[in-house]
Amino acid sequence: MTKSPLPEDRIPVIVGVGEIVDRPKEPTAGLEPLTLLEQALKRAEADSGAKLLGEIGSLDVVNFLSWRYRDPEQQLAARIGVQPSHLYYGPVGGESPIRYLHEAAQRIARGECSVAAVCGAEAQSTATKAQRAGIDLPWTPFAHDVEEPKRGAVFQKPLAVKLGVFRPITVYPLYESATSAYWGQTPREALAESGSLWSTYSDVASQNPNSWLKKHFTPDEITTPSPDNRLIAWPYTKLMVANPTVNMGGALLMTSLAKARAAGVREDRIVYAWGGASAEEPRDYLVRDQFYESHPQNAVLKAVMDLVEGDGKNFDAIELYSCFPCVPKMARRTLGLGADVQPTVTGGLTFFGAPLNTYMTHAACAMVRKLRNGAKLGLLYGQGGFVTKHHGLVLSRAAPRQALAQDTSVQAAADRRKGAVPEFVTEAGGKGKVESFTVIYGGKGEIEHGVVMLRTANDARTLGRIPASDAKTLAHLRNMDRTPVGTVGNIVTAEDSVLEWRVG
């Protein structure tokens, strides 16, 4: 193993990973999130081969939504008997586990602590089953007086909320439609790429002992609607979206290299954090300049490529965030990788499972195992919101040659690429050109309505509804051989004062 010229007490390393999957026969036997966190941390300690939990000086807990606690980070610290100087329970965000790992590494590099932990857990499967059955769970009492985390509709315009395009499942299809049109794909070609990519994720999940769904799905099984695989928001079926109904916990232990060696951690367990980058889009997705690429995503991925002095092909292990197909499809193009990319070491948010904000905790655990087993350089790319928050982190089996950077924001580089943002309007008429679109489906596979993002004759941006009764316009949107993006139709105002769009 190469020796680093840096002081060993300022080199951050991951030394332990722990995961737990809970499948109780009865809801009352299910483990609550705090217990899953505690068990994952203990497993991470056992994985390291050293006694480290009692020395944790930095503890980050990923936000969870399946149960609400008062000060869960403090309750967890009390459970494991520590009083860390850094104790944090953060906001909603799928990128947050990677950010917390990166920030923990920076604390170690600054000499602020020698042992850090990042962990997350959800018990949504048990909570949902108990709620449906009217069962009271024997868990820490639900903290009804604690404010619900801000997400979704809080950040979006009233018209987006009214039309139903304020949730991940209905917003990401807008990127799917815009990107595939920009890349020159027909909807059929774009769907085929998604199916092939998602089949690759499912193959990895089928071999991951911690996965929720341990089954390989073919591309056609993923993309073809059926009673068990209904359309949710065009063009995404159930097997193309994140599955949050799981019970999972994950944790990572990080120390300085000096601490790891003093504690007796074996050299073959040590994985080095080289660094990474972060950037964001506005929370309100309707004030972005366009939807066929993400400037923050591009800036983050280009920064991590620069970190390893090469292109994306230098990574022999990659985890591309996979809440919906458009995200890794965008990322692999920025990385310069082909459609045959191996995009995951974990299995993806559909098949491995999506414990809401903490999937990337599990991805980091899987990446550590991959590096221990022979891979040399790994990329973890996490994303949160609606293509909103982006964070990349490079891990390696080799020691770094440079000190871990403390300033890792590439926001300025992202903002320099941003184009003019069109004015958003709620009143319009005349012609409207499709910028992107989706069709929203009900629980039985029936169309509820379509939604188009439009540019008006004055190049303002608005949203328009397509009623379920407008078969002609809906057929135009769902044409598999020609994208409707860029087509022009008529904007009219419905009786409820909502704009609607009709194909010419």
Protein backbone atom coordinates (compact mmCIF):
# COMPACT_ATOMS: atom_id res chain seq x y z
CA MET A 1 0.00 0.00 0.00
CA THR A 2 1.35 3.44 -0.91
CA LYS A 3 2.45 5.67 1.94
CA SER A 4 1.06 9.17 2.15
CA PRO A 5 3.33 12.14 2.91
CA LEU A 6 0.59 13.59 5.16
CA PRO A 7 0.47 13.34 8.97
CA GLU A 8 -1.41 10.16 9.86
CA ASP A 9 -3.54 11.90 12.47
CA ARG A 10 -4.97 14.15 9.72
CA ILE A 11 -5.77 11.44 7.17
CA PRO A 12 -9.46 10.39 7.35
CA VAL A 13 -10.26 6.73 6.76
CA ILE A 14 -13.41 4.61 6.88
CA VAL A 15 -12.81 1.58 9.08
CA GLY A 16 -16.23 0.08 9.78
CA VAL A 17 -19.56 -0.40 8.02
CA GLY A 18 -22.76 -1.86 9.40
CA GLU A 19 -26.20 -2.58 7.95
CA ILE A 20 -29.40 -4.11 9.25
CA VAL A 21 -32.58 -5.14 7.42
CA ASP A 22 -35.67 -5.82 9.52
CA ARG A 23 -38.47 -8.06 8.20
CA PRO A 24 -40.76 -8.71 11.18
CA LYS A 25 -43.57 -11.26 10.90
CA GLU A 26 -45.82 -8.92 12.88
CA PRO A 27 -45.66 -5.09 12.98
CA THR A 28 -45.36 -5.06 16.77
CA ALA A 29 -42.12 -7.05 16.45
CA GLY A 30 -40.60 -4.44 14.12
CA LEU A 31 -37.60 -2.40 15.20
CA GLU A 32 -38.02 1.37 15.46
CA PRO A 33 -35.56 3.67 13.66
CA LEU A 34 -33.54 4.47 16.82
CA THR A 35 -32.98 0.77 17.42
CA LEU A 36 -31.99 0.22 13.79
CA LEU A 37 -29.47 3.08 14.14
CA GLU A 38 -28.03 1.62 17.32
CA GLN A 39 -27.73 -1.86 15.82
CA ALA A 40 -26.11 -0.54 12.63
CA LEU A 41 -23.51 1.36 14.67
CA LYS A 42 -22.69 -1.74 16.70
CA ARG A 43 -22.31 -3.74 13.51
CA ALA A 44 -20.01 -1.08 12.09
CA GLU A 45 -17.86 -1.29 15.21
CA ALA A 46 -17.71 -5.08 14.94
CA ASP A 47 -16.78 -4.75 11.27
CA SER A 48 -13.84 -2.51 12.17
CA GLY A 49 -12.45 -5.06 14.62
CA ALA A 50 -11.78 -2.31 17.17
CA LYS A 51 -13.57 -0.76 20.13
CA LEU A 52 -14.48 2.67 18.77
CA LEU A 53 -18.10 3.56 19.61
CA GLY A 54 -17.20 4.95 23.03
CA GLU A 55 -14.77 7.41 21.44
CA ILE A 56 -17.13 8.96 18.88
CA GLY A 57 -16.54 12.71 18.78
CA SER A 58 -18.68 13.42 15.72
CA LEU A 59 -22.11 11.89 15.10
CA ASP A 60 -24.34 12.71 12.13
CA VAL A 61 -27.83 11.21 11.86
CA VAL A 62 -29.58 11.26 8.50
CA ASN A 63 -33.10 12.69 8.56
CA PHE A 64 -35.82 10.04 8.76
CA LEU A 65 -39.51 10.33 7.97
CA SER A 66 -41.09 7.04 9.07
CA TRP A 67 -41.18 8.07 12.76
CA ARG A 68 -40.82 11.38 14.51
CA TYR A 69 -38.64 11.90 17.59
CA ARG A 70 -37.64 14.83 19.70
CA ASP A 71 -33.86 15.30 19.30
CA PRO A 72 -33.18 11.82 17.88
CA GLU A 73 -29.45 12.50 17.65
CA GLN A 74 -29.31 13.10 21.40
CA GLN A 75 -31.36 10.00 22.12
CA LEU A 76 -29.03 7.92 19.95
CA ALA A 77 -25.92 9.35 21.61
CA ALA A 78 -27.40 8.46 25.01
CA ARG A 79 -28.14 4.92 23.84
CA ILE A 80 -24.52 4.28 22.88
CA GLY A 81 -23.15 6.25 25.82
CA VAL A 82 -21.30 9.09 24.10
CA GLN A 83 -21.29 12.89 24.25
CA PRO A 84 -19.76 13.96 20.93
CA SER A 85 -18.73 17.57 20.43
CA HIS A 86 -20.40 17.46 16.99
CA LEU A 87 -23.93 16.05 17.15
CA TYR A 88 -26.23 16.71 14.20
CA TYR A 89 -29.61 15.65 12.84
CA GLY A 90 -29.99 17.19 9.43
CA PRO A 91 -32.72 18.21 6.97
CA VAL A 92 -34.31 16.14 4.21
CA GLY A 93 -31.98 15.30 1.32
CA GLY A 94 -30.87 12.15 -0.50
CA GLU A 95 -27.35 13.53 -0.86
CA SER A 96 -26.98 14.10 2.89
CA PRO A 97 -25.19 10.83 3.81
CA ILE A 98 -22.41 11.67 1.37
CA ARG A 99 -22.25 15.24 2.63
CA TYR A 100 -22.03 14.04 6.24
CA LEU A 101 -19.26 11.58 5.39
CA HIS A 102 -17.37 14.30 3.58
CA GLU A 103 -17.80 16.78 6.44
CA ALA A 104 -16.77 14.15 9.01
CA ALA A 105 -13.61 13.51 7.00
CA GLN A 106 -12.92 17.24 6.97
CA ARG A 107 -13.26 17.39 10.77
CA ILE A 108 -10.73 14.62 11.13
CA ALA A 109 -8.42 16.39 8.68
CA ARG A 110 -8.69 19.54 10.81
CA GLY A 111 -7.87 17.58 13.95
CA GLU A 112 -11.24 18.28 15.58
CA CYS A 113 -11.96 14.62 16.32
CA SER A 114 -10.41 11.20 15.81
CA VAL A 115 -13.56 9.04 15.57
CA ALA A 116 -16.72 9.97 13.62
CA ALA A 117 -19.92 8.16 12.73
CA VAL A 118 -22.60 8.70 10.09
CA CYS A 119 -25.81 6.69 10.27
CA GLY A 120 -29.38 6.57 9.03
CA ALA A 121 -32.43 4.34 9.33
CA GLU A 122 -36.07 4.03 8.32
CA ALA A 123 -38.88 1.67 9.34
CA GLN A 124 -41.49 2.75 6.81
CA SER A 125 -42.63 -0.78 5.99
CA THR A 126 -43.52 -1.54 9.61
CA ALA A 127 -45.01 1.92 10.21
CA THR A 128 -47.24 1.66 7.13
CA LYS A 129 -48.47 -1.85 7.98
CA ALA A 130 -49.22 -0.81 11.55
CA GLN A 131 -51.13 2.27 10.43
CA ARG A 132 -53.23 0.29 7.95
CA ALA A 133 -54.02 -2.32 10.61
CA GLY A 134 -54.77 0.26 13.30
CA ILE A 135 -51.98 -1.12 15.50
CA ASP A 136 -50.14 0.98 18.08
CA LEU A 137 -46.42 0.26 17.90
CA PRO A 138 -44.47 -0.26 21.15
CA TRP A 139 -41.86 2.30 20.11
CA THR A 140 -40.61 5.56 21.57
CA PRO A 141 -43.78 7.70 21.57
CA PHE A 142 -44.32 9.57 18.31
CA ALA A 143 -43.38 13.23 18.85
CA HIS A 144 -46.53 14.93 17.54
CA ASP A 145 -45.30 18.31 18.77
CA VAL A 146 -42.16 18.18 16.62
CA GLU A 147 -42.52 20.01 13.31
CA GLU A 148 -42.63 17.84 10.22
CA PRO A 149 -39.51 18.22 8.03
CA LYS A 150 -39.89 20.65 5.14
CA ARG A 151 -40.13 19.00 1.75
CA GLY A 152 -42.00 18.95 -1.56
CA ALA A 153 -44.88 21.38 -1.68
CA VAL A 154 -43.33 23.84 0.79
CA PHE A 155 -40.84 25.00 -1.83
CA GLN A 156 -43.06 24.91 -4.92
CA LYS A 157 -45.44 27.32 -6.62
CA PRO A 158 -49.18 26.98 -5.87
CA LEU A 159 -49.95 26.04 -9.48
CA ALA A 160 -47.43 23.17 -9.36
CA VAL A 161 -49.11 21.92 -6.19
CA LYS A 162 -52.59 22.25 -7.68
CA LEU A 163 -51.58 20.25 -10.76
CA GLY A 164 -49.81 17.56 -8.71
CA VAL A 165 -46.27 18.23 -9.95
CA PHE A 166 -44.72 18.89 -6.55
CA ARG A 167 -43.62 15.37 -5.59
CA PRO A 168 -40.52 13.53 -6.82
CA ILE A 169 -42.56 10.99 -8.80
CA THR A 170 -44.22 13.73 -10.85
CA VAL A 171 -41.31 16.19 -11.16
CA TYR A 172 -38.52 13.85 -12.29
CA PRO A 173 -40.49 12.84 -15.41
CA LEU A 174 -40.14 16.48 -16.51
CA TYR A 175 -36.38 15.97 -16.59
CA GLU A 176 -36.85 12.58 -18.26
CA SER A 177 -38.83 14.11 -21.12
CA ALA A 178 -36.58 17.15 -21.55
CA THR A 179 -33.28 15.27 -21.46
CA SER A 180 -34.29 12.52 -23.86
CA ALA A 181 -35.54 15.10 -26.35
CA TYR A 182 -32.31 17.05 -26.01
CA TRP A 183 -30.28 13.89 -26.63
CA GLY A 184 -32.24 13.24 -29.81
CA GLN A 185 -33.96 10.11 -28.54
CA THR A 186 -37.47 9.06 -29.33
CA PRO A 187 -39.51 8.19 -26.22
CA ARG A 188 -39.20 4.53 -27.22
CA GLU A 189 -35.42 4.76 -27.32
CA ALA A 190 -35.32 6.62 -23.99
CA LEU A 191 -37.53 3.99 -22.36
CA ALA A 192 -35.30 1.21 -23.68
CA GLU A 193 -32.25 2.90 -22.16
CA SER A 194 -34.04 3.25 -18.84
CA GLY A 195 -35.12 -0.39 -18.85
CA SER A 196 -31.64 -1.65 -19.61
CA LEU A 197 -30.07 0.57 -16.95
CA TRP A 198 -32.65 -0.39 -14.32
CA SER A 199 -32.19 -4.08 -15.14
CA THR A 200 -28.50 -3.63 -14.34
CA TYR A 201 -29.38 -2.10 -10.97
CA SER A 202 -31.73 -5.01 -10.23
CA ASP A 203 -29.00 -7.53 -11.07
CA VAL A 204 -26.70 -6.00 -8.45
CA ALA A 205 -29.53 -5.84 -5.91
CA SER A 206 -30.31 -9.52 -6.48
CA GLN A 207 -26.80 -10.34 -5.26
CA ASN A 208 -26.71 -7.89 -2.32
CA PRO A 209 -27.68 -9.68 0.92
CA ASN A 210 -29.01 -6.40 2.35
CA SER A 211 -31.44 -5.70 -0.53
CA TRP A 212 -35.18 -5.48 -0.02
CA LEU A 213 -35.96 -7.01 -3.43
CA LYS A 214 -33.53 -9.79 -4.28
CA LYS A 215 -34.78 -10.40 -7.80
CA HIS A 216 -33.35 -9.70 -11.23
CA PHE A 217 -35.81 -8.01 -13.58
CA THR A 218 -35.47 -7.89 -17.36
CA PRO A 219 -35.76 -4.54 -19.16
CA ASP A 220 -39.20 -5.48 -20.52
CA GLU A 221 -40.47 -6.49 -17.06
CA ILE A 222 -39.41 -3.06 -15.80
CA THR A 223 -40.84 -0.89 -18.56
CA THR A 224 -44.00 -2.79 -19.51
CA PRO A 225 -47.11 -1.73 -17.55
CA SER A 226 -49.01 -4.54 -15.83
CA PRO A 227 -51.35 -4.94 -12.84
CA ASP A 228 -48.28 -5.39 -10.62
CA ASN A 229 -46.25 -2.73 -12.43
CA ARG A 230 -48.67 0.09 -13.07
CA LEU A 231 -47.81 3.39 -14.68
CA ILE A 232 -47.37 6.09 -12.03
CA ALA A 233 -46.21 9.17 -13.94
CA TRP A 234 -45.36 8.96 -17.62
CA PRO A 235 -43.13 7.29 -18.61
CA TYR A 236 -42.31 5.72 -15.22
CA THR A 237 -43.82 2.47 -13.99
CA LYS A 238 -43.70 1.23 -10.40
CA LEU A 239 -40.46 -0.68 -11.14
CA MET A 240 -38.79 2.54 -12.31
CA VAL A 241 -39.26 4.57 -9.12
CA ALA A 242 -37.81 4.55 -5.61
CA ASN A 243 -39.31 2.09 -3.13
CA PRO A 244 -39.44 3.71 0.33
CA THR A 245 -41.49 0.99 2.04
CA VAL A 246 -38.54 -0.73 3.71
CA ASN A 247 -37.01 -1.21 7.17
CA MET A 248 -33.24 -0.56 7.04
CA GLY A 249 -30.39 0.92 9.00
CA GLY A 250 -26.84 1.73 7.96
CA ALA A 251 -23.77 3.21 9.62
CA LEU A 252 -20.13 4.03 8.88
CA LEU A 253 -17.27 4.61 11.29
CA MET A 254 -14.46 6.94 10.29
CA THR A 255 -11.20 7.64 12.13
CA SER A 256 -7.85 9.17 11.45
CA LEU A 257 -5.29 6.77 10.01
CA ALA A 258 -3.24 7.16 13.20
CA LYS A 259 -6.25 6.25 15.35
CA ALA A 260 -7.12 3.28 13.16
CA ARG A 261 -3.64 1.83 13.47
CA ALA A 262 -3.42 2.53 17.19
CA ALA A 263 -6.79 0.78 17.67
CA GLY A 264 -5.58 -2.27 15.80
CA VAL A 265 -7.71 -1.94 12.66
CA ARG A 266 -6.31 -4.23 9.98
CA GLU A 267 -4.82 -2.50 6.94
CA ASP A 268 -7.13 -4.43 4.60
CA ARG A 269 -10.16 -2.85 6.32
CA ILE A 270 -9.04 0.74 5.72
CA VAL A 271 -10.56 2.89 2.95
CA TYR A 272 -9.34 6.45 2.35
CA ALA A 273 -11.49 9.51 1.68
CA TRP A 274 -9.86 11.58 -1.04
CA GLY A 275 -12.39 14.39 -1.29
CA GLY A 276 -15.34 15.57 -3.31
CA ALA A 277 -17.59 18.46 -4.28
CA SER A 278 -21.07 19.89 -3.80
CA ALA A 279 -23.50 22.32 -5.47
CA GLU A 280 -27.23 23.04 -5.59
CA GLU A 281 -30.14 24.21 -7.75
CA PRO A 282 -32.93 26.47 -6.43
CA ARG A 283 -35.47 24.55 -4.32
CA ASP A 284 -38.29 25.80 -6.56
CA TYR A 285 -37.64 23.81 -9.72
CA LEU A 286 -39.69 26.21 -11.86
CA VAL A 287 -37.07 28.93 -11.53
CA ARG A 288 -34.36 26.93 -13.30
CA ASP A 289 -33.09 27.92 -16.71
CA GLN A 290 -33.88 24.58 -18.42
CA PHE A 291 -34.47 20.86 -17.75
CA TYR A 292 -32.18 18.97 -20.11
CA GLU A 293 -29.14 19.21 -17.85
CA SER A 294 -28.21 20.22 -14.31
CA HIS A 295 -25.38 22.71 -13.98
CA PRO A 296 -24.69 21.75 -10.32
CA GLN A 297 -24.64 18.05 -11.20
CA ASN A 298 -22.23 18.70 -14.05
CA ALA A 299 -19.97 20.87 -11.88
CA VAL A 300 -19.85 18.27 -9.09
CA LEU A 301 -19.08 15.35 -11.38
CA LYS A 302 -16.44 17.28 -13.32
CA ALA A 303 -14.81 18.30 -10.03
CA VAL A 304 -14.52 14.71 -8.83
CA MET A 305 -13.09 13.69 -12.19
CA ASP A 306 -10.48 16.43 -11.83
CA LEU A 307 -9.74 15.13 -8.34
CA VAL A 308 -8.52 11.83 -9.76
CA GLU A 309 -6.68 13.48 -12.65
CA GLY A 310 -8.61 11.71 -15.34
CA ASP A 311 -12.05 11.03 -16.73
CA GLY A 312 -14.90 8.96 -15.40
CA LYS A 313 -13.45 5.77 -16.79
CA ASN A 314 -10.79 5.89 -14.05
CA PHE A 315 -13.37 4.87 -11.46
CA ASP A 316 -13.64 1.11 -11.29
CA ALA A 317 -16.57 1.28 -8.85
CA ILE A 318 -19.42 3.80 -9.16
CA GLU A 319 -22.68 4.56 -7.39
CA LEU A 320 -24.91 6.90 -9.37
CA TYR A 321 -27.98 8.00 -7.44
CA SER A 322 -30.99 6.19 -8.82
CA CYS A 323 -34.28 7.53 -7.50
CA PHE A 324 -35.50 7.76 -11.11
CA PRO A 325 -33.78 6.79 -14.40
CA CYS A 326 -33.12 10.33 -15.64
CA VAL A 327 -30.59 10.99 -12.84
CA PRO A 328 -27.99 8.30 -13.64
CA LYS A 329 -28.63 8.76 -17.36
CA MET A 330 -27.64 12.40 -17.01
CA ALA A 331 -24.69 11.58 -14.74
CA ARG A 332 -23.16 8.89 -16.89
CA ARG A 333 -23.12 11.23 -19.87
CA THR A 334 -21.34 13.92 -17.87
CA LEU A 335 -18.82 11.31 -16.74
CA GLY A 336 -18.27 10.29 -20.36
CA LEU A 337 -19.47 6.73 -19.78
CA GLY A 338 -21.43 4.59 -22.22
CA ALA A 339 -24.85 3.01 -21.95
CA ASP A 340 -23.17 -0.20 -20.74
CA VAL A 341 -21.99 1.55 -17.56
CA GLN A 342 -22.01 -0.42 -14.30
CA PRO A 343 -23.78 2.32 -12.30
CA THR A 344 -24.08 0.75 -8.87
CA VAL A 345 -22.40 -1.33 -6.19
CA THR A 346 -25.61 -1.43 -4.15
CA GLY A 347 -28.65 -2.14 -6.30
CA GLY A 348 -30.56 1.13 -6.64
CA LEU A 349 -33.48 2.75 -4.87
CA THR A 350 -36.07 0.59 -6.62
CA PHE A 351 -34.56 -2.83 -5.94
CA PHE A 352 -32.15 -2.48 -3.03
CA GLY A 353 -34.74 -0.21 -1.49
CA ALA A 354 -35.06 3.48 -0.75
CA PRO A 355 -34.95 4.19 2.98
CA LEU A 356 -35.83 7.75 2.01
CA ASN A 357 -32.86 10.05 2.73
CA THR A 358 -30.39 7.34 3.73
CA TYR A 359 -29.93 5.14 0.64
CA MET A 360 -26.45 6.59 0.12
CA THR A 361 -25.44 5.45 3.62
CA HIS A 362 -25.96 1.91 2.38
CA ALA A 363 -24.25 2.75 -0.90
CA ALA A 364 -21.20 3.96 1.03
CA CYS A 365 -21.19 0.68 2.98
CA ALA A 366 -21.35 -1.29 -0.26
CA MET A 367 -18.59 0.85 -1.78
CA VAL A 368 -16.30 0.19 1.18
CA ARG A 369 -16.82 -3.55 0.76
CA LYS A 370 -16.16 -3.25 -2.98
CA LEU A 371 -12.89 -1.43 -2.37
CA ARG A 372 -11.83 -3.92 0.28
CA ASN A 373 -12.46 -6.70 -2.24
CA GLY A 374 -10.19 -5.37 -4.96
CA ALA A 375 -11.57 -2.18 -6.51
CA LYS A 376 -9.12 0.70 -6.34
CA LEU A 377 -11.09 3.90 -6.85
CA GLY A 378 -14.76 4.53 -6.10
CA LEU A 379 -17.19 7.36 -6.78
CA LEU A 380 -20.26 7.99 -4.63
CA TYR A 381 -22.70 10.46 -6.21
CA GLY A 382 -25.74 11.42 -4.16
CA GLN A 383 -28.60 13.72 -5.04
CA GLY A 384 -31.53 15.25 -3.16
CA GLY A 385 -34.71 17.16 -3.83
CA PHE A 386 -35.77 17.44 -7.48
CA VAL A 387 -32.31 17.23 -9.13
CA THR A 388 -31.61 19.92 -6.52
CA LYS A 389 -28.75 19.06 -4.15
CA HIS A 390 -25.66 17.25 -5.43
CA HIS A 391 -22.65 15.78 -3.63
CA GLY A 392 -19.85 13.57 -4.88
CA LEU A 393 -17.19 11.79 -2.81
CA VAL A 394 -14.14 9.83 -3.94
CA LEU A 395 -12.98 6.83 -1.90
CA SER A 396 -9.87 4.76 -2.52
CA ARG A 397 -7.82 1.89 -1.19
CA ALA A 398 -4.71 4.00 -1.83
CA ALA A 399 -3.54 6.70 0.54
CA PRO A 400 -4.01 10.29 -0.68
CA ARG A 401 -1.12 12.43 -1.81
CA GLN A 402 -2.78 15.71 -0.92
CA ALA A 403 -4.47 16.94 2.23
CA LEU A 404 -8.25 16.78 2.18
CA ALA A 405 -9.60 20.08 0.84
CA GLN A 406 -11.82 22.09 3.16
CA ASP A 407 -13.49 24.28 0.53
CA THR A 408 -15.30 21.88 -1.77
CA SER A 409 -18.25 23.89 -3.07
CA VAL A 410 -18.38 24.22 -6.85
CA GLN A 411 -21.45 26.43 -6.72
CA ALA A 412 -19.70 29.28 -8.52
CA ALA A 413 -18.78 27.02 -11.43
CA ALA A 414 -22.38 25.80 -11.65
CA ASP A 415 -23.83 29.31 -11.49
CA ARG A 416 -21.55 30.54 -14.29
CA ARG A 417 -23.22 28.09 -16.67
CA LYS A 418 -26.73 29.13 -15.77
CA GLY A 419 -28.74 30.75 -18.52
CA ALA A 420 -31.59 33.25 -18.33
CA VAL A 421 -34.55 32.06 -16.27
CA PRO A 422 -37.92 32.75 -17.90
CA GLU A 423 -40.62 34.58 -16.00
CA PHE A 424 -43.23 32.22 -14.54
CA VAL A 425 -46.84 33.21 -15.25
CA THR A 426 -50.22 31.78 -14.31
CA GLU A 427 -52.23 33.70 -16.87
CA ALA A 428 -51.61 33.20 -20.58
CA GLY A 429 -53.30 32.55 -23.90
CA GLY A 430 -52.48 31.95 -27.53
CA LYS A 431 -49.79 29.47 -28.50
CA GLY A 432 -47.68 27.48 -26.07
CA LYS A 433 -44.61 25.33 -26.86
CA VAL A 434 -43.92 22.21 -24.82
CA GLU A 435 -40.75 22.46 -22.73
CA SER A 436 -41.48 19.19 -20.91
CA PHE A 437 -44.41 17.09 -19.73
CA THR A 438 -45.77 14.10 -17.85
CA VAL A 439 -49.06 12.23 -17.44
CA ILE A 440 -50.20 11.38 -13.92
CA TYR A 441 -51.95 8.06 -13.24
CA GLY A 442 -54.26 6.85 -10.47
CA GLY A 443 -53.96 3.76 -8.30
CA LYS A 444 -55.69 1.52 -10.84
CA GLY A 445 -53.64 2.69 -13.79
CA GLU A 446 -56.19 5.22 -15.00
CA ILE A 447 -55.12 8.62 -16.31
CA GLU A 448 -55.86 11.45 -13.88
CA HIS A 449 -54.55 14.23 -16.11
CA GLY A 450 -51.53 15.36 -18.06
CA VAL A 451 -49.24 18.29 -17.22
CA VAL A 452 -47.17 20.26 -19.70
CA MET A 453 -44.48 22.80 -18.92
CA LEU A 454 -44.89 25.47 -21.57
CA ARG A 455 -43.16 28.47 -23.07
CA THR A 456 -45.63 31.15 -24.12
CA ALA A 457 -45.42 33.37 -27.18
CA ASN A 458 -43.51 35.86 -24.98
CA ASP A 459 -41.14 33.06 -23.85
CA ALA A 460 -42.53 33.06 -20.32
CA ARG A 461 -42.90 29.70 -18.54
CA THR A 462 -46.16 28.23 -17.29
CA LEU A 463 -47.85 24.93 -16.51
CA GLY A 464 -50.87 23.60 -18.33
CA ARG A 465 -53.27 20.77 -17.59
CA ILE A 466 -54.57 18.20 -20.07
CA PRO A 467 -57.87 16.73 -18.84
CA ALA A 468 -58.31 12.95 -18.91
CA SER A 469 -61.13 13.54 -21.43
CA ASP A 470 -58.74 15.07 -24.00
CA ALA A 471 -57.75 11.80 -25.66
CA LYS A 472 -56.18 13.49 -28.69
CA THR A 473 -53.71 15.62 -26.71
CA LEU A 474 -52.88 12.78 -24.31
CA ALA A 475 -52.16 10.49 -27.26
CA HIS A 476 -49.88 13.18 -28.67
CA LEU A 477 -47.95 13.32 -25.41
CA ARG A 478 -47.62 9.52 -25.20
CA ASN A 479 -46.49 8.95 -28.78
CA MET A 480 -43.55 6.56 -28.43
CA ASP A 481 -41.98 7.42 -31.77
CA ARG A 482 -41.89 11.22 -31.60
CA THR A 483 -41.29 13.45 -28.62
CA PRO A 484 -43.89 16.15 -28.01
CA VAL A 485 -41.19 18.42 -26.60
CA GLY A 486 -40.98 21.45 -28.86
CA THR A 487 -44.46 21.08 -30.33
CA VAL A 488 -46.89 23.98 -30.28
CA GLY A 489 -50.52 23.96 -29.19
CA ASN A 490 -53.20 26.27 -27.83
CA ILE A 491 -53.34 27.61 -24.28
CA VAL A 492 -56.85 28.06 -22.90
CA THR A 493 -58.25 28.90 -19.48
CA ALA A 494 -60.56 26.33 -17.89
CA GLU A 495 -63.61 27.10 -15.76
CA ASP A 496 -61.57 26.71 -12.57
CA SER A 497 -59.13 29.36 -13.91
CA VAL A 498 -56.36 26.77 -14.50
CA LEU A 499 -54.52 26.93 -17.81
CA GLU A 500 -54.98 23.98 -20.14
CA TRP A 501 -53.14 23.01 -23.32
CA ARG A 502 -54.50 21.39 -26.44
CA VAL A 503 -52.57 20.04 -29.35
CA GLY A 504 -53.23 21.97 -32.57
